[in-house]
N, C-alpha and C. Protein backbone atom coordinates (compact mmCIF):
# COMPACT_ATOMS: atom_id res chain seq x y z
N MET A 1 0.85 -1.17 0.00
CA MET A 1 0.00 0.00 0.00
C MET A 1 0.90 1.23 0.00
N LYS A 2 0.64 2.15 -0.89
CA LYS A 2 1.44 3.37 -0.98
C LYS A 2 0.58 4.57 -0.59
N ILE A 3 0.97 5.18 0.50
CA ILE A 3 0.30 6.39 0.99
C ILE A 3 1.39 7.39 1.31
N ASP A 4 1.18 8.65 0.97
CA ASP A 4 2.18 9.67 1.31
C ASP A 4 1.48 10.80 2.06
N ASN A 5 1.42 10.62 3.38
CA ASN A 5 0.81 11.64 4.24
C ASN A 5 1.83 12.57 4.84
N GLY A 6 3.12 12.29 4.63
CA GLY A 6 4.11 13.19 5.20
C GLY A 6 5.45 12.53 5.42
N MET A 7 6.33 13.31 6.02
CA MET A 7 7.70 12.87 6.25
C MET A 7 7.93 12.64 7.74
N HIS A 8 8.63 11.54 8.03
CA HIS A 8 9.04 11.22 9.39
C HIS A 8 10.56 11.21 9.40
N LEU A 9 11.15 12.18 10.07
CA LEU A 9 12.60 12.31 10.18
C LEU A 9 13.04 11.73 11.51
N LEU A 10 13.98 10.79 11.46
CA LEU A 10 14.53 10.17 12.66
C LEU A 10 16.02 10.46 12.70
N ILE A 11 16.50 10.96 13.83
CA ILE A 11 17.91 11.29 13.98
C ILE A 11 18.44 10.69 15.28
N ASP A 12 19.54 9.99 15.17
CA ASP A 12 20.30 9.51 16.32
C ASP A 12 21.60 10.30 16.29
N GLY A 13 21.89 11.01 17.37
CA GLY A 13 23.08 11.85 17.34
C GLY A 13 23.80 11.92 18.67
N ASP A 14 25.01 12.45 18.60
CA ASP A 14 25.77 12.70 19.81
C ASP A 14 25.52 14.13 20.26
N GLY A 15 25.93 14.45 21.46
CA GLY A 15 25.73 15.80 21.94
C GLY A 15 26.47 16.05 23.23
N ASN A 16 26.48 17.30 23.63
CA ASN A 16 27.11 17.73 24.87
C ASN A 16 26.32 17.17 26.05
N LYS A 17 27.00 16.45 26.94
CA LYS A 17 26.32 15.78 28.05
C LYS A 17 25.56 16.76 28.94
N LYS A 18 26.14 17.91 29.21
CA LYS A 18 25.48 18.90 30.07
C LYS A 18 24.21 19.43 29.41
N LYS A 19 24.28 19.72 28.12
CA LYS A 19 23.11 20.23 27.40
C LYS A 19 22.01 19.17 27.30
N LEU A 20 22.41 17.92 27.11
CA LEU A 20 21.43 16.83 27.02
C LEU A 20 20.77 16.53 28.35
N ASN A 21 21.29 17.11 29.43
CA ASN A 21 20.74 16.90 30.77
C ASN A 21 19.99 18.13 31.28
N ASP A 22 19.72 19.08 30.42
CA ASP A 22 19.11 20.36 30.79
C ASP A 22 17.66 20.41 30.32
N GLU A 23 16.73 20.22 31.26
CA GLU A 23 15.31 20.18 30.93
C GLU A 23 14.82 21.49 30.30
N VAL A 24 15.28 22.61 30.81
CA VAL A 24 14.86 23.91 30.28
C VAL A 24 15.33 24.08 28.85
N LEU A 25 16.56 23.71 28.58
CA LEU A 25 17.11 23.81 27.23
C LEU A 25 16.36 22.91 26.25
N ILE A 26 16.03 21.71 26.68
CA ILE A 26 15.30 20.78 25.81
C ILE A 26 13.90 21.31 25.51
N GLU A 27 13.24 21.85 26.53
CA GLU A 27 11.92 22.45 26.30
C GLU A 27 12.02 23.62 25.32
N ARG A 28 13.02 24.47 25.51
CA ARG A 28 13.21 25.62 24.62
C ARG A 28 13.50 25.15 23.19
N PHE A 29 14.29 24.10 23.05
CA PHE A 29 14.59 23.55 21.73
C PHE A 29 13.30 23.15 21.01
N LEU A 30 12.43 22.40 21.69
CA LEU A 30 11.19 21.95 21.06
C LEU A 30 10.27 23.13 20.74
N GLU A 31 10.20 24.11 21.63
CA GLU A 31 9.40 25.31 21.36
C GLU A 31 9.92 26.02 20.11
N ASN A 32 11.24 26.19 20.02
CA ASN A 32 11.85 26.87 18.87
C ASN A 32 11.68 26.06 17.59
N LEU A 33 11.75 24.74 17.71
CA LEU A 33 11.58 23.88 16.55
C LEU A 33 10.21 24.09 15.91
N VAL A 34 9.19 24.14 16.75
CA VAL A 34 7.82 24.36 16.26
C VAL A 34 7.73 25.69 15.50
N VAL A 35 8.33 26.72 16.06
CA VAL A 35 8.31 28.05 15.42
C VAL A 35 9.08 28.02 14.11
N GLN A 36 10.30 27.48 14.14
CA GLN A 36 11.15 27.46 12.94
C GLN A 36 10.52 26.66 11.80
N LEU A 37 9.81 25.59 12.12
CA LEU A 37 9.19 24.76 11.08
C LEU A 37 7.79 25.24 10.72
N LYS A 38 7.36 26.33 11.37
CA LYS A 38 6.04 26.93 11.12
C LYS A 38 4.91 25.90 11.29
N MET A 39 4.97 25.23 12.44
CA MET A 39 3.95 24.24 12.78
C MET A 39 3.10 24.78 13.92
N ASN A 40 2.12 24.02 14.32
CA ASN A 40 1.14 24.48 15.31
C ASN A 40 1.02 23.49 16.46
N LYS A 41 1.29 23.96 17.67
CA LYS A 41 1.19 23.10 18.86
C LYS A 41 -0.28 22.85 19.21
N LEU A 42 -0.55 21.62 19.63
CA LEU A 42 -1.86 21.28 20.17
C LEU A 42 -1.83 21.24 21.70
N ASN A 43 -0.62 21.20 22.25
CA ASN A 43 -0.46 21.20 23.70
C ASN A 43 0.89 21.81 24.04
N ASN A 44 1.11 22.08 25.30
CA ASN A 44 2.41 22.56 25.73
C ASN A 44 3.43 21.44 25.60
N VAL A 45 4.67 21.81 25.47
CA VAL A 45 5.75 20.83 25.43
C VAL A 45 5.77 20.08 26.76
N VAL A 46 5.88 18.78 26.69
CA VAL A 46 5.96 17.93 27.88
C VAL A 46 7.42 17.48 28.03
N ILE A 47 7.97 17.70 29.21
CA ILE A 47 9.34 17.29 29.53
C ILE A 47 9.30 16.40 30.76
N LYS A 48 9.88 15.22 30.65
CA LYS A 48 9.91 14.28 31.78
C LYS A 48 11.32 13.72 31.95
N ARG A 49 11.81 13.79 33.16
CA ARG A 49 13.08 13.13 33.48
C ARG A 49 12.75 11.67 33.78
N VAL A 50 13.49 10.78 33.17
CA VAL A 50 13.25 9.35 33.32
C VAL A 50 14.47 8.74 34.01
N GLU A 51 14.22 8.08 35.13
CA GLU A 51 15.31 7.45 35.87
C GLU A 51 15.21 5.94 35.71
N ASN A 52 16.28 5.36 35.20
CA ASN A 52 16.38 3.92 35.00
C ASN A 52 17.63 3.42 35.70
N GLU A 53 17.86 2.14 35.63
CA GLU A 53 19.07 1.58 36.21
C GLU A 53 20.26 1.86 35.30
N GLY A 54 21.41 2.07 35.90
CA GLY A 54 22.63 2.25 35.13
C GLY A 54 22.68 3.58 34.41
N ASP A 55 23.18 3.54 33.19
CA ASP A 55 23.38 4.78 32.43
C ASP A 55 22.25 5.04 31.44
N LYS A 56 21.05 4.56 31.74
CA LYS A 56 19.92 4.76 30.84
C LYS A 56 19.00 5.88 31.30
N ASP A 57 19.44 6.66 32.30
CA ASP A 57 18.66 7.83 32.72
C ASP A 57 18.64 8.83 31.58
N GLY A 58 17.62 9.66 31.57
CA GLY A 58 17.57 10.67 30.53
C GLY A 58 16.36 11.56 30.65
N ILE A 59 16.15 12.32 29.61
CA ILE A 59 15.03 13.25 29.53
C ILE A 59 14.28 12.98 28.24
N THR A 60 12.95 12.95 28.34
CA THR A 60 12.10 12.83 27.17
C THR A 60 11.31 14.11 27.03
N GLY A 61 11.32 14.65 25.82
CA GLY A 61 10.54 15.83 25.50
C GLY A 61 9.63 15.52 24.33
N PHE A 62 8.39 16.00 24.40
CA PHE A 62 7.39 15.67 23.37
C PHE A 62 6.46 16.85 23.18
N VAL A 63 6.09 17.09 21.93
CA VAL A 63 5.06 18.08 21.66
C VAL A 63 4.15 17.53 20.57
N LEU A 64 2.86 17.56 20.86
CA LEU A 64 1.84 17.13 19.91
C LEU A 64 1.52 18.31 19.00
N LEU A 65 1.54 18.07 17.71
CA LEU A 65 1.33 19.13 16.73
C LEU A 65 0.06 18.89 15.92
N LYS A 66 -0.50 19.96 15.43
CA LYS A 66 -1.62 19.84 14.49
C LYS A 66 -1.18 18.99 13.30
N GLU A 67 0.09 19.14 12.94
CA GLU A 67 0.65 18.42 11.80
C GLU A 67 1.13 17.02 12.16
N SER A 68 1.35 16.71 13.43
CA SER A 68 1.68 15.40 13.98
C SER A 68 2.44 15.53 15.30
N HIS A 69 3.79 15.33 15.33
CA HIS A 69 4.51 15.42 16.60
C HIS A 69 6.01 15.64 16.40
N ALA A 70 6.66 16.03 17.49
CA ALA A 70 8.12 16.11 17.55
C ALA A 70 8.54 15.61 18.93
N SER A 71 9.65 14.87 18.97
CA SER A 71 10.11 14.35 20.26
C SER A 71 11.63 14.23 20.28
N ILE A 72 12.14 14.17 21.50
CA ILE A 72 13.57 13.94 21.71
C ILE A 72 13.72 13.13 23.00
N HIS A 73 14.61 12.16 22.95
CA HIS A 73 14.93 11.32 24.10
C HIS A 73 16.44 11.42 24.29
N THR A 74 16.87 11.96 25.43
CA THR A 74 18.30 12.15 25.66
C THR A 74 18.84 11.14 26.67
N PHE A 75 20.10 10.80 26.49
CA PHE A 75 20.83 9.91 27.38
C PHE A 75 22.14 10.62 27.73
N PRO A 76 22.08 11.56 28.69
CA PRO A 76 23.24 12.42 28.98
C PRO A 76 24.51 11.66 29.35
N GLU A 77 24.39 10.61 30.14
CA GLU A 77 25.59 9.88 30.56
C GLU A 77 26.33 9.27 29.37
N LYS A 78 25.57 8.91 28.35
CA LYS A 78 26.17 8.32 27.15
C LYS A 78 26.49 9.39 26.10
N GLY A 79 25.95 10.59 26.28
CA GLY A 79 26.21 11.67 25.34
C GLY A 79 25.53 11.50 24.00
N PHE A 80 24.31 10.93 24.01
CA PHE A 80 23.59 10.83 22.75
C PHE A 80 22.09 11.00 22.95
N PHE A 81 21.39 11.11 21.82
CA PHE A 81 19.94 11.31 21.84
C PHE A 81 19.31 10.68 20.61
N HIS A 82 17.99 10.51 20.69
CA HIS A 82 17.15 10.12 19.56
C HIS A 82 16.13 11.24 19.41
N ALA A 83 15.96 11.73 18.20
CA ALA A 83 14.96 12.78 17.95
C ALA A 83 14.14 12.39 16.73
N ASP A 84 12.88 12.80 16.73
CA ASP A 84 12.10 12.59 15.52
C ASP A 84 11.05 13.67 15.35
N VAL A 85 10.76 13.93 14.10
CA VAL A 85 9.71 14.88 13.71
C VAL A 85 8.90 14.20 12.63
N PHE A 86 7.60 14.11 12.85
CA PHE A 86 6.69 13.58 11.83
C PHE A 86 5.68 14.66 11.54
N SER A 87 5.45 14.90 10.24
CA SER A 87 4.52 15.95 9.87
C SER A 87 3.87 15.65 8.53
N CYS A 88 2.57 15.92 8.45
CA CYS A 88 1.87 15.82 7.17
C CYS A 88 2.15 17.06 6.32
N LYS A 89 2.78 18.07 6.92
CA LYS A 89 3.20 19.28 6.22
C LYS A 89 4.69 19.16 5.93
N ASP A 90 5.11 19.52 4.72
CA ASP A 90 6.53 19.47 4.40
C ASP A 90 7.32 20.38 5.33
N PHE A 91 8.54 19.95 5.65
CA PHE A 91 9.44 20.76 6.47
C PHE A 91 10.88 20.48 6.05
N SER A 92 11.76 21.34 6.47
CA SER A 92 13.18 21.24 6.10
C SER A 92 13.93 20.35 7.09
N LYS A 93 14.32 19.16 6.63
CA LYS A 93 15.13 18.30 7.50
C LYS A 93 16.47 18.94 7.78
N GLU A 94 16.97 19.72 6.82
CA GLU A 94 18.25 20.41 7.00
C GLU A 94 18.17 21.40 8.16
N ARG A 95 17.03 22.08 8.30
CA ARG A 95 16.86 23.03 9.40
C ARG A 95 16.84 22.30 10.74
N VAL A 96 16.18 21.16 10.81
CA VAL A 96 16.14 20.38 12.05
C VAL A 96 17.56 19.97 12.43
N ILE A 97 18.32 19.47 11.48
CA ILE A 97 19.70 19.04 11.74
C ILE A 97 20.55 20.23 12.19
N GLU A 98 20.39 21.36 11.52
CA GLU A 98 21.13 22.57 11.90
C GLU A 98 20.81 22.98 13.34
N MET A 99 19.54 22.92 13.72
CA MET A 99 19.14 23.29 15.08
C MET A 99 19.72 22.33 16.12
N LEU A 100 19.75 21.04 15.80
CA LEU A 100 20.34 20.06 16.73
C LEU A 100 21.83 20.31 16.90
N LYS A 101 22.51 20.67 15.82
CA LYS A 101 23.94 20.99 15.91
C LYS A 101 24.16 22.22 16.78
N GLU A 102 23.33 23.24 16.58
CA GLU A 102 23.47 24.49 17.33
C GLU A 102 23.15 24.29 18.81
N GLU A 103 22.06 23.62 19.10
CA GLU A 103 21.57 23.54 20.48
C GLU A 103 22.33 22.52 21.33
N PHE A 104 22.64 21.36 20.75
CA PHE A 104 23.24 20.28 21.54
C PHE A 104 24.69 19.98 21.15
N LEU A 105 25.23 20.79 20.25
CA LEU A 105 26.61 20.62 19.77
C LEU A 105 26.81 19.26 19.10
N MET A 106 25.78 18.81 18.38
CA MET A 106 25.82 17.54 17.67
C MET A 106 26.90 17.60 16.58
N LYS A 107 27.72 16.56 16.53
CA LYS A 107 28.75 16.47 15.50
C LYS A 107 28.52 15.25 14.61
N GLU A 108 28.26 14.12 15.23
CA GLU A 108 28.03 12.89 14.47
C GLU A 108 26.57 12.47 14.63
N PHE A 109 25.98 12.01 13.52
CA PHE A 109 24.58 11.61 13.58
C PHE A 109 24.24 10.68 12.42
N ASN A 110 23.19 9.93 12.62
CA ASN A 110 22.57 9.13 11.56
C ASN A 110 21.16 9.66 11.38
N GLU A 111 20.74 9.75 10.14
CA GLU A 111 19.38 10.21 9.87
C GLU A 111 18.67 9.20 8.98
N LYS A 112 17.38 9.15 9.15
CA LYS A 112 16.55 8.31 8.30
C LYS A 112 15.27 9.07 8.03
N VAL A 113 14.83 9.04 6.79
CA VAL A 113 13.58 9.68 6.41
C VAL A 113 12.64 8.60 5.91
N ILE A 114 11.44 8.61 6.47
CA ILE A 114 10.41 7.67 6.04
C ILE A 114 9.24 8.49 5.52
N ARG A 115 8.81 8.20 4.30
CA ARG A 115 7.59 8.82 3.78
C ARG A 115 6.44 7.93 4.25
N ARG A 116 5.46 8.56 4.90
CA ARG A 116 4.37 7.77 5.47
C ARG A 116 3.05 8.18 4.86
């Protein structure tokens, strides 16, 4: 079945451990992402610190959008994160990558784009 309702961008990247552990910075990143991509929030950004055993602690940030959603899951002790943006409205994946580099000092990353 072939349906094209939008683009789902998935990024696994490295980042500055201190920045990846900053709830305020992560919330601000998601707020700015929505503005930069000209999308519309359906709710406030949700930020939750998640405590697990070992080095799997982190922060999850999520925002529900009229166009779909954006999220980030950070693992500060390991210095990496998973981020994704799904939207039925076209957006610039290059801008998302640029923002991740600026905000979290991302240098190395893998990206995957899925048309859904």
